[in-house]
Amino acid sequence: AFAPGPLMAVYYASKAYVLSLSRALAAEVGGAGVIVTAVCPG
């Protein structure tokens, strides 16, 4: 999610989306009793 991925372009782009969405949701639900976590394995 942290870099573009030549030869895996769509996969890398999809994970950048997941990270961005998750961080945005985590901010939106702060204080609502809900935890949103993006997990980024290597």
ModelCIF file with pLDDT and N, C-alpha, C, O atoms, coordinates in Angstrom:
data_MODEL
#
_entry.id   MODEL 
#
_entity.id                         1 
_entity.type                       polymer 
_entity.pdbx_number_of_molecules   1 
#
_entity_poly.entity_id                      1 
_entity_poly.type                           'polypeptide(L)' 
_entity_poly.nstd_linkage                   no 
_entity_poly.nstd_monomer                   no 
_entity_poly.pdbx_seq_one_letter_code       AFAPGPLMAVYYASKAYVLSLSRALAAEVGGAGVIVTAVCPG 
_entity_poly.pdbx_seq_one_letter_code_can   AFAPGPLMAVYYASKAYVLSLSRALAAEVGGAGVIVTAVCPG 
_entity_poly.pdbx_strand_id                 A 
#
loop_
_entity_poly_seq.entity_id 
_entity_poly_seq.num 
_entity_poly_seq.mon_id 
_entity_poly_seq.hetero 
1 1  ALA n 
1 2  PHE n 
1 3  ALA n 
1 4  PRO n 
1 5  GLY n 
1 6  PRO n 
1 7  LEU n 
1 8  MET n 
1 9  ALA n 
1 10 VAL n 
1 11 TYR n 
1 12 TYR n 
1 13 ALA n 
1 14 SER n 
1 15 LYS n 
1 16 ALA n 
1 17 TYR n 
1 18 VAL n 
1 19 LEU n 
1 20 SER n 
1 21 LEU n 
1 22 SER n 
1 23 ARG n 
1 24 ALA n 
1 25 LEU n 
1 26 ALA n 
1 27 ALA n 
1 28 GLU n 
1 29 VAL n 
1 30 GLY n 
1 31 GLY n 
1 32 ALA n 
1 33 GLY n 
1 34 VAL n 
1 35 ILE n 
1 36 VAL n 
1 37 THR n 
1 38 ALA n 
1 39 VAL n 
1 40 CYS n 
1 41 PRO n 
1 42 GLY n 
#
_struct_asym.id          A 
_struct_asym.entity_id   1 
#
loop_
_ma_qa_metric.id 
_ma_qa_metric.mode 
_ma_qa_metric.name 
_ma_qa_metric.software_group_id 
_ma_qa_metric.type 
1 global pLDDT . pLDDT 
2 local  pLDDT . pLDDT 
#
_ma_qa_metric_global.metric_id      1 
_ma_qa_metric_global.metric_value   96.38 
_ma_qa_metric_global.model_id       1 
_ma_qa_metric_global.ordinal_id     1 
#
loop_
_ma_qa_metric_local.label_asym_id 
_ma_qa_metric_local.label_comp_id 
_ma_qa_metric_local.label_seq_id 
_ma_qa_metric_local.metric_id 
_ma_qa_metric_local.metric_value 
_ma_qa_metric_local.model_id 
_ma_qa_metric_local.ordinal_id 
A ALA 1  2 94.00 1 1  
A PHE 2  2 91.00 1 2  
A ALA 3  2 90.00 1 3  
A PRO 4  2 91.00 1 4  
A GLY 5  2 92.00 1 5  
A PRO 6  2 94.00 1 6  
A LEU 7  2 96.00 1 7  
A MET 8  2 96.00 1 8  
A ALA 9  2 97.00 1 9  
A VAL 10 2 98.00 1 10 
A TYR 11 2 98.00 1 11 
A TYR 12 2 97.00 1 12 
A ALA 13 2 98.00 1 13 
A SER 14 2 98.00 1 14 
A LYS 15 2 98.00 1 15 
A ALA 16 2 97.00 1 16 
A TYR 17 2 98.00 1 17 
A VAL 18 2 98.00 1 18 
A LEU 19 2 98.00 1 19 
A SER 20 2 98.00 1 20 
A LEU 21 2 98.00 1 21 
A SER 22 2 98.00 1 22 
A ARG 23 2 98.00 1 23 
A ALA 24 2 98.00 1 24 
A LEU 25 2 98.00 1 25 
A ALA 26 2 98.00 1 26 
A ALA 27 2 98.00 1 27 
A GLU 28 2 98.00 1 28 
A VAL 29 2 97.00 1 29 
A GLY 30 2 92.00 1 30 
A GLY 31 2 92.00 1 31 
A ALA 32 2 96.00 1 32 
A GLY 33 2 97.00 1 33 
A VAL 34 2 98.00 1 34 
A ILE 35 2 98.00 1 35 
A VAL 36 2 98.00 1 36 
A THR 37 2 98.00 1 37 
A ALA 38 2 98.00 1 38 
A VAL 39 2 98.00 1 39 
A CYS 40 2 97.00 1 40 
A PRO 41 2 96.00 1 41 
A GLY 42 2 92.00 1 42 
#
loop_
_atom_site.group_PDB 
_atom_site.id 
_atom_site.type_symbol 
_atom_site.label_atom_id 
_atom_site.label_alt_id 
_atom_site.label_comp_id 
_atom_site.label_asym_id 
_atom_site.label_entity_id 
_atom_site.label_seq_id 
_atom_site.pdbx_PDB_ins_code 
_atom_site.Cartn_x 
_atom_site.Cartn_y 
_atom_site.Cartn_z 
_atom_site.occupancy 
_atom_site.B_iso_or_equiv 
_atom_site.pdbx_formal_charge 
_atom_site.auth_seq_id 
_atom_site.auth_comp_id 
_atom_site.auth_asym_id 
_atom_site.auth_atom_id 
_atom_site.pdbx_PDB_model_num 
ATOM 1   N N  . ALA A 1 1  ? 0.806   -1.220 0.000   1.00 94.00 ? 1  ALA A N  1 
ATOM 2   C CA . ALA A 1 1  ? 0.000   0.000  0.000   1.00 94.00 ? 1  ALA A CA 1 
ATOM 3   C C  . ALA A 1 1  ? 0.837   1.267  0.000   1.00 94.00 ? 1  ALA A C  1 
ATOM 4   O O  . ALA A 1 1  ? 0.331   2.346  -0.309  1.00 94.00 ? 1  ALA A O  1 
ATOM 5   N N  . PHE A 1 2  ? 2.112   1.148  0.343   1.00 91.00 ? 2  PHE A N  1 
ATOM 6   C CA . PHE A 1 2  ? 2.957   2.327  0.512   1.00 91.00 ? 2  PHE A CA 1 
ATOM 7   C C  . PHE A 1 2  ? 3.766   2.683  -0.728  1.00 91.00 ? 2  PHE A C  1 
ATOM 8   O O  . PHE A 1 2  ? 4.537   3.642  -0.707  1.00 91.00 ? 2  PHE A O  1 
ATOM 9   N N  . ALA A 1 3  ? 3.600   1.924  -1.811  1.00 90.00 ? 3  ALA A N  1 
ATOM 10  C CA . ALA A 1 3  ? 4.384   2.180  -3.021  1.00 90.00 ? 3  ALA A CA 1 
ATOM 11  C C  . ALA A 1 3  ? 3.649   1.653  -4.236  1.00 90.00 ? 3  ALA A C  1 
ATOM 12  O O  . ALA A 1 3  ? 2.801   0.771  -4.101  1.00 90.00 ? 3  ALA A O  1 
ATOM 13  N N  . PRO A 1 4  ? 3.953   2.176  -5.439  1.00 91.00 ? 4  PRO A N  1 
ATOM 14  C CA . PRO A 1 4  ? 3.397   1.579  -6.650  1.00 91.00 ? 4  PRO A CA 1 
ATOM 15  C C  . PRO A 1 4  ? 4.060   0.231  -6.901  1.00 91.00 ? 4  PRO A C  1 
ATOM 16  O O  . PRO A 1 4  ? 5.160   -0.017 -6.408  1.00 91.00 ? 4  PRO A O  1 
ATOM 17  N N  . GLY A 1 5  ? 3.408   -0.642 -7.660  1.00 92.00 ? 5  GLY A N  1 
ATOM 18  C CA . GLY A 1 5  ? 3.932   -1.985 -7.853  1.00 92.00 ? 5  GLY A CA 1 
ATOM 19  C C  . GLY A 1 5  ? 3.989   -2.424 -9.302  1.00 92.00 ? 5  GLY A C  1 
ATOM 20  O O  . GLY A 1 5  ? 3.108   -3.157 -9.752  1.00 92.00 ? 5  GLY A O  1 
ATOM 21  N N  . PRO A 1 6  ? 5.004   -1.998 -10.050 1.00 94.00 ? 6  PRO A N  1 
ATOM 22  C CA . PRO A 1 6  ? 5.140   -2.519 -11.405 1.00 94.00 ? 6  PRO A CA 1 
ATOM 23  C C  . PRO A 1 6  ? 5.148   -4.050 -11.409 1.00 94.00 ? 6  PRO A C  1 
ATOM 24  O O  . PRO A 1 6  ? 5.808   -4.676 -10.580 1.00 94.00 ? 6  PRO A O  1 
ATOM 25  N N  . LEU A 1 7  ? 4.420   -4.637 -12.336 1.00 96.00 ? 7  LEU A N  1 
ATOM 26  C CA . LEU A 1 7  ? 4.213   -6.080 -12.495 1.00 96.00 ? 7  LEU A CA 1 
ATOM 27  C C  . LEU A 1 7  ? 3.211   -6.643 -11.500 1.00 96.00 ? 7  LEU A C  1 
ATOM 28  O O  . LEU A 1 7  ? 2.884   -7.829 -11.558 1.00 96.00 ? 7  LEU A O  1 
ATOM 29  N N  . MET A 1 8  ? 2.721   -5.813 -10.589 1.00 96.00 ? 8  MET A N  1 
ATOM 30  C CA . MET A 1 8  ? 1.570   -6.182 -9.751  1.00 96.00 ? 8  MET A CA 1 
ATOM 31  C C  . MET A 1 8  ? 0.734   -4.921 -9.538  1.00 96.00 ? 8  MET A C  1 
ATOM 32  O O  . MET A 1 8  ? 0.292   -4.632 -8.426  1.00 96.00 ? 8  MET A O  1 
ATOM 33  N N  . ALA A 1 9  ? 0.529   -4.189 -10.609 1.00 97.00 ? 9  ALA A N  1 
ATOM 34  C CA . ALA A 1 9  ? -0.015  -2.836 -10.530 1.00 97.00 ? 9  ALA A CA 1 
ATOM 35  C C  . ALA A 1 9  ? -1.385  -2.777 -9.867  1.00 97.00 ? 9  ALA A C  1 
ATOM 36  O O  . ALA A 1 9  ? -1.617  -1.927 -9.008  1.00 97.00 ? 9  ALA A O  1 
ATOM 37  N N  . VAL A 1 10 ? -2.297  -3.670 -10.253 1.00 98.00 ? 10 VAL A N  1 
ATOM 38  C CA . VAL A 1 10 ? -3.660  -3.615 -9.726  1.00 98.00 ? 10 VAL A CA 1 
ATOM 39  C C  . VAL A 1 10 ? -3.678  -4.026 -8.253  1.00 98.00 ? 10 VAL A C  1 
ATOM 40  O O  . VAL A 1 10 ? -4.369  -3.409 -7.442  1.00 98.00 ? 10 VAL A O  1 
ATOM 41  N N  . TYR A 1 11 ? -2.929  -5.052 -7.914  1.00 98.00 ? 11 TYR A N  1 
ATOM 42  C CA . TYR A 1 11 ? -2.872  -5.496 -6.510  1.00 98.00 ? 11 TYR A CA 1 
ATOM 43  C C  . TYR A 1 11 ? -2.335  -4.385 -5.610  1.00 98.00 ? 11 TYR A C  1 
ATOM 44  O O  . TYR A 1 11 ? -2.946  -4.078 -4.586  1.00 98.00 ? 11 TYR A O  1 
ATOM 45  N N  . TYR A 1 12 ? -1.211  -3.782 -5.971  1.00 97.00 ? 12 TYR A N  1 
ATOM 46  C CA . TYR A 1 12 ? -0.640  -2.719 -5.144  1.00 97.00 ? 12 TYR A CA 1 
ATOM 47  C C  . TYR A 1 12 ? -1.628  -1.556 -5.014  1.00 97.00 ? 12 TYR A C  1 
ATOM 48  O O  . TYR A 1 12 ? -1.804  -1.001 -3.930  1.00 97.00 ? 12 TYR A O  1 
ATOM 49  N N  . ALA A 1 13 ? -2.267  -1.195 -6.126  1.00 98.00 ? 13 ALA A N  1 
ATOM 50  C CA . ALA A 1 13 ? -3.237  -0.094 -6.093  1.00 98.00 ? 13 ALA A CA 1 
ATOM 51  C C  . ALA A 1 13 ? -4.418  -0.437 -5.193  1.00 98.00 ? 13 ALA A C  1 
ATOM 52  O O  . ALA A 1 13 ? -4.933  0.425  -4.481  1.00 98.00 ? 13 ALA A O  1 
ATOM 53  N N  . SER A 1 14 ? -4.848  -1.709 -5.228  1.00 98.00 ? 14 SER A N  1 
ATOM 54  C CA . SER A 1 14 ? -5.979  -2.109 -4.387  1.00 98.00 ? 14 SER A CA 1 
ATOM 55  C C  . SER A 1 14 ? -5.632  -1.988 -2.906  1.00 98.00 ? 14 SER A C  1 
ATOM 56  O O  . SER A 1 14 ? -6.480  -1.602 -2.101  1.00 98.00 ? 14 SER A O  1 
ATOM 57  N N  . LYS A 1 15 ? -4.408  -2.309 -2.546  1.00 98.00 ? 15 LYS A N  1 
ATOM 58  C CA . LYS A 1 15 ? -4.013  -2.237 -1.138  1.00 98.00 ? 15 LYS A CA 1 
ATOM 59  C C  . LYS A 1 15 ? -3.809  -0.792 -0.691  1.00 98.00 ? 15 LYS A C  1 
ATOM 60  O O  . LYS A 1 15 ? -4.016  -0.475 0.481   1.00 98.00 ? 15 LYS A O  1 
ATOM 61  N N  . ALA A 1 16 ? -3.409  0.083  -1.603  1.00 97.00 ? 16 ALA A N  1 
ATOM 62  C CA . ALA A 1 16 ? -3.350  1.511  -1.272  1.00 97.00 ? 16 ALA A CA 1 
ATOM 63  C C  . ALA A 1 16 ? -4.751  2.027  -0.954  1.00 97.00 ? 16 ALA A C  1 
ATOM 64  O O  . ALA A 1 16 ? -4.931  2.831  -0.040  1.00 97.00 ? 16 ALA A O  1 
ATOM 65  N N  . TYR A 1 17 ? -5.739  1.559  -1.712  1.00 98.00 ? 17 TYR A N  1 
ATOM 66  C CA . TYR A 1 17 ? -7.137  1.921  -1.441  1.00 98.00 ? 17 TYR A CA 1 
ATOM 67  C C  . TYR A 1 17 ? -7.565  1.429  -0.062  1.00 98.00 ? 17 TYR A C  1 
ATOM 68  O O  . TYR A 1 17 ? -8.166  2.179  0.707   1.00 98.00 ? 17 TYR A O  1 
ATOM 69  N N  . VAL A 1 18 ? -7.258  0.178  0.251   1.00 98.00 ? 18 VAL A N  1 
ATOM 70  C CA . VAL A 1 18 ? -7.655  -0.389 1.542   1.00 98.00 ? 18 VAL A CA 1 
ATOM 71  C C  . VAL A 1 18 ? -7.051  0.407  2.693   1.00 98.00 ? 18 VAL A C  1 
ATOM 72  O O  . VAL A 1 18 ? -7.737  0.704  3.671   1.00 98.00 ? 18 VAL A O  1 
ATOM 73  N N  . LEU A 1 19 ? -5.788  0.749  2.583   1.00 98.00 ? 19 LEU A N  1 
ATOM 74  C CA . LEU A 1 19 ? -5.131  1.525  3.646   1.00 98.00 ? 19 LEU A CA 1 
ATOM 75  C C  . LEU A 1 19 ? -5.772  2.899  3.782   1.00 98.00 ? 19 LEU A C  1 
ATOM 76  O O  . LEU A 1 19 ? -6.062  3.338  4.895   1.00 98.00 ? 19 LEU A O  1 
ATOM 77  N N  . SER A 1 20 ? -5.995  3.575  2.676   1.00 98.00 ? 20 SER A N  1 
ATOM 78  C CA . SER A 1 20 ? -6.583  4.919  2.718   1.00 98.00 ? 20 SER A CA 1 
ATOM 79  C C  . SER A 1 20 ? -7.998  4.892  3.294   1.00 98.00 ? 20 SER A C  1 
ATOM 80  O O  . SER A 1 20 ? -8.340  5.710  4.147   1.00 98.00 ? 20 SER A O  1 
ATOM 81  N N  . LEU A 1 21 ? -8.820  3.949  2.824   1.00 98.00 ? 21 LEU A N  1 
ATOM 82  C CA . LEU A 1 21 ? -10.187 3.834  3.332   1.00 98.00 ? 21 LEU A CA 1 
ATOM 83  C C  . LEU A 1 21 ? -10.181 3.557  4.833   1.00 98.00 ? 21 LEU A C  1 
ATOM 84  O O  . LEU A 1 21 ? -10.930 4.178  5.587   1.00 98.00 ? 21 LEU A O  1 
ATOM 85  N N  . SER A 1 22 ? -9.346  2.634  5.256   1.00 98.00 ? 22 SER A N  1 
ATOM 86  C CA . SER A 1 22 ? -9.322  2.247  6.669   1.00 98.00 ? 22 SER A CA 1 
ATOM 87  C C  . SER A 1 22 ? -8.925  3.415  7.559   1.00 98.00 ? 22 SER A C  1 
ATOM 88  O O  . SER A 1 22 ? -9.533  3.636  8.606   1.00 98.00 ? 22 SER A O  1 
ATOM 89  N N  . ARG A 1 23 ? -7.916  4.154  7.150   1.00 98.00 ? 23 ARG A N  1 
ATOM 90  C CA . ARG A 1 23 ? -7.480  5.305  7.954   1.00 98.00 ? 23 ARG A CA 1 
ATOM 91  C C  . ARG A 1 23 ? -8.572  6.365  8.035   1.00 98.00 ? 23 ARG A C  1 
ATOM 92  O O  . ARG A 1 23 ? -8.772  6.985  9.080   1.00 98.00 ? 23 ARG A O  1 
ATOM 93  N N  . ALA A 1 24 ? -9.275  6.567  6.924   1.00 98.00 ? 24 ALA A N  1 
ATOM 94  C CA . ALA A 1 24 ? -10.360 7.546  6.928   1.00 98.00 ? 24 ALA A CA 1 
ATOM 95  C C  . ALA A 1 24 ? -11.492 7.093  7.853   1.00 98.00 ? 24 ALA A C  1 
ATOM 96  O O  . ALA A 1 24 ? -12.026 7.893  8.621   1.00 98.00 ? 24 ALA A O  1 
ATOM 97  N N  . LEU A 1 25 ? -11.855 5.815  7.779   1.00 98.00 ? 25 LEU A N  1 
ATOM 98  C CA . LEU A 1 25 ? -12.919 5.310  8.645   1.00 98.00 ? 25 LEU A CA 1 
ATOM 99  C C  . LEU A 1 25 ? -12.508 5.376  10.115  1.00 98.00 ? 25 LEU A C  1 
ATOM 100 O O  . LEU A 1 25 ? -13.326 5.693  10.979  1.00 98.00 ? 25 LEU A O  1 
ATOM 101 N N  . ALA A 1 26 ? -11.242 5.077  10.394  1.00 98.00 ? 26 ALA A N  1 
ATOM 102 C CA . ALA A 1 26 ? -10.768 5.148  11.778  1.00 98.00 ? 26 ALA A CA 1 
ATOM 103 C C  . ALA A 1 26 ? -10.950 6.551  12.342  1.00 98.00 ? 26 ALA A C  1 
ATOM 104 O O  . ALA A 1 26 ? -11.301 6.720  13.510  1.00 98.00 ? 26 ALA A O  1 
ATOM 105 N N  . ALA A 1 27 ? -10.708 7.562  11.496  1.00 98.00 ? 27 ALA A N  1 
ATOM 106 C CA . ALA A 1 27 ? -10.897 8.943  11.943  1.00 98.00 ? 27 ALA A CA 1 
ATOM 107 C C  . ALA A 1 27 ? -12.373 9.273  12.120  1.00 98.00 ? 27 ALA A C  1 
ATOM 108 O O  . ALA A 1 27 ? -12.750 9.974  13.059  1.00 98.00 ? 27 ALA A O  1 
ATOM 109 N N  . GLU A 1 28 ? -13.207 8.767  11.215  1.00 98.00 ? 28 GLU A N  1 
ATOM 110 C CA . GLU A 1 28 ? -14.641 9.063  11.284  1.00 98.00 ? 28 GLU A CA 1 
ATOM 111 C C  . GLU A 1 28 ? -15.302 8.479  12.532  1.00 98.00 ? 28 GLU A C  1 
ATOM 112 O O  . GLU A 1 28 ? -16.197 9.100  13.107  1.00 98.00 ? 28 GLU A O  1 
ATOM 113 N N  . VAL A 1 29 ? -14.869 7.294  12.952  1.00 97.00 ? 29 VAL A N  1 
ATOM 114 C CA . VAL A 1 29 ? -15.545 6.619  14.060  1.00 97.00 ? 29 VAL A CA 1 
ATOM 115 C C  . VAL A 1 29 ? -14.842 6.831  15.396  1.00 97.00 ? 29 VAL A C  1 
ATOM 116 O O  . VAL A 1 29 ? -15.216 6.219  16.397  1.00 97.00 ? 29 VAL A O  1 
ATOM 117 N N  . GLY A 1 30 ? -13.840 7.681  15.419  1.00 92.00 ? 30 GLY A N  1 
ATOM 118 C CA . GLY A 1 30 ? -13.154 7.959  16.674  1.00 92.00 ? 30 GLY A CA 1 
ATOM 119 C C  . GLY A 1 30 ? -14.135 8.451  17.726  1.00 92.00 ? 30 GLY A C  1 
ATOM 120 O O  . GLY A 1 30 ? -14.873 9.405  17.481  1.00 92.00 ? 30 GLY A O  1 
ATOM 121 N N  . GLY A 1 31 ? -14.155 7.816  18.893  1.00 92.00 ? 31 GLY A N  1 
ATOM 122 C CA . GLY A 1 31 ? -15.069 8.200  19.965  1.00 92.00 ? 31 GLY A CA 1 
ATOM 123 C C  . GLY A 1 31 ? -16.416 7.518  19.888  1.00 92.00 ? 31 GLY A C  1 
ATOM 124 O O  . GLY A 1 31 ? -17.271 7.737  20.747  1.00 92.00 ? 31 GLY A O  1 
ATOM 125 N N  . ALA A 1 32 ? -16.626 6.677  18.854  1.00 96.00 ? 32 ALA A N  1 
ATOM 126 C CA . ALA A 1 32 ? -17.916 6.004  18.694  1.00 96.00 ? 32 ALA A CA 1 
ATOM 127 C C  . ALA A 1 32 ? -17.897 4.584  19.236  1.00 96.00 ? 32 ALA A C  1 
ATOM 128 O O  . ALA A 1 32 ? -18.870 3.845  19.081  1.00 96.00 ? 32 ALA A O  1 
ATOM 129 N N  . GLY A 1 33 ? -16.799 4.199  19.869  1.00 97.00 ? 33 GLY A N  1 
ATOM 130 C CA . GLY A 1 33 ? -16.713 2.845  20.406  1.00 97.00 ? 33 GLY A CA 1 
ATOM 131 C C  . GLY A 1 33 ? -16.348 1.794  19.388  1.00 97.00 ? 33 GLY A C  1 
ATOM 132 O O  . GLY A 1 33 ? -16.443 0.599  19.669  1.00 97.00 ? 33 GLY A O  1 
ATOM 133 N N  . VAL A 1 34 ? -15.925 2.221  18.192  1.00 98.00 ? 34 VAL A N  1 
ATOM 134 C CA . VAL A 1 34 ? -15.579 1.304  17.105  1.00 98.00 ? 34 VAL A CA 1 
ATOM 135 C C  . VAL A 1 34 ? -14.110 1.521  16.732  1.00 98.00 ? 34 VAL A C  1 
ATOM 136 O O  . VAL A 1 34 ? -13.653 2.659  16.633  1.00 98.00 ? 34 VAL A O  1 
ATOM 137 N N  . ILE A 1 35 ? -13.387 0.442  16.528  1.00 98.00 ? 35 ILE A N  1 
ATOM 138 C CA . ILE A 1 35 ? -11.977 0.502  16.144  1.00 98.00 ? 35 ILE A CA 1 
ATOM 139 C C  . ILE A 1 35 ? -11.826 -0.026 14.731  1.00 98.00 ? 35 ILE A C  1 
ATOM 140 O O  . ILE A 1 35 ? -12.272 -1.132 14.427  1.00 98.00 ? 35 ILE A O  1 
ATOM 141 N N  . VAL A 1 36 ? -11.199 0.761  13.864  1.00 98.00 ? 36 VAL A N  1 
ATOM 142 C CA . VAL A 1 36 ? -10.893 0.322  12.506  1.00 98.00 ? 36 VAL A CA 1 
ATOM 143 C C  . VAL A 1 36 ? -9.378  0.256  12.363  1.00 98.00 ? 36 VAL A C  1 
ATOM 144 O O  . VAL A 1 36 ? -8.675  1.234  12.619  1.00 98.00 ? 36 VAL A O  1 
ATOM 145 N N  . THR A 1 37 ? -8.886  -0.904 11.952  1.00 98.00 ? 37 THR A N  1 
ATOM 146 C CA . THR A 1 37 ? -7.444  -1.133 11.858  1.00 98.00 ? 37 THR A CA 1 
ATOM 147 C C  . THR A 1 37 ? -7.082  -1.625 10.466  1.00 98.00 ? 37 THR A C  1 
ATOM 148 O O  . THR A 1 37 ? -7.689  -2.562 9.949   1.00 98.00 ? 37 THR A O  1 
ATOM 149 N N  . ALA A 1 38 ? -6.090  -0.986 9.869   1.00 98.00 ? 38 ALA A N  1 
ATOM 150 C CA . ALA A 1 38 ? -5.494  -1.486 8.632   1.00 98.00 ? 38 ALA A CA 1 
ATOM 151 C C  . ALA A 1 38 ? -4.231  -2.254 9.007   1.00 98.00 ? 38 ALA A C  1 
ATOM 152 O O  . ALA A 1 38 ? -3.336  -1.714 9.657   1.00 98.00 ? 38 ALA A O  1 
ATOM 153 N N  . VAL A 1 39 ? -4.167  -3.504 8.594   1.00 98.00 ? 39 VAL A N  1 
ATOM 154 C CA . VAL A 1 39 ? -2.996  -4.338 8.865   1.00 98.00 ? 39 VAL A CA 1 
ATOM 155 C C  . VAL A 1 39 ? -2.172  -4.441 7.583   1.00 98.00 ? 39 VAL A C  1 
ATOM 156 O O  . VAL A 1 39 ? -2.697  -4.769 6.519   1.00 98.00 ? 39 VAL A O  1 
ATOM 157 N N  . CYS A 1 40 ? -0.884  -4.159 7.697   1.00 97.00 ? 40 CYS A N  1 
ATOM 158 C CA . CYS A 1 40 ? -0.007  -4.118 6.531   1.00 97.00 ? 40 CYS A CA 1 
ATOM 159 C C  . CYS A 1 40 ? 1.140   -5.112 6.681   1.00 97.00 ? 40 CYS A C  1 
ATOM 160 O O  . CYS A 1 40 ? 2.219   -4.739 7.141   1.00 97.00 ? 40 CYS A O  1 
ATOM 161 N N  . PRO A 1 41 ? 0.924   -6.365 6.302   1.00 96.00 ? 41 PRO A N  1 
ATOM 162 C CA . PRO A 1 41 ? 2.016   -7.338 6.330   1.00 96.00 ? 41 PRO A CA 1 
ATOM 163 C C  . PRO A 1 41 ? 2.956   -7.137 5.146   1.00 96.00 ? 41 PRO A C  1 
ATOM 164 O O  . PRO A 1 41 ? 2.565   -6.604 4.107   1.00 96.00 ? 41 PRO A O  1 
ATOM 165 N N  . GLY A 1 42 ? 4.197   -7.569 5.320   1.00 92.00 ? 42 GLY A N  1 
ATOM 166 C CA . GLY A 1 42 ? 5.107   -7.716 4.201   1.00 92.00 ? 42 GLY A CA 1 
ATOM 167 C C  . GLY A 1 42 ? 5.003   -9.141 3.675   1.00 92.00 ? 42 GLY A C  1 
ATOM 168 O O  . GLY A 1 42 ? 5.691   -9.497 2.718   1.00 92.00 ? 42 GLY A O  1 
#
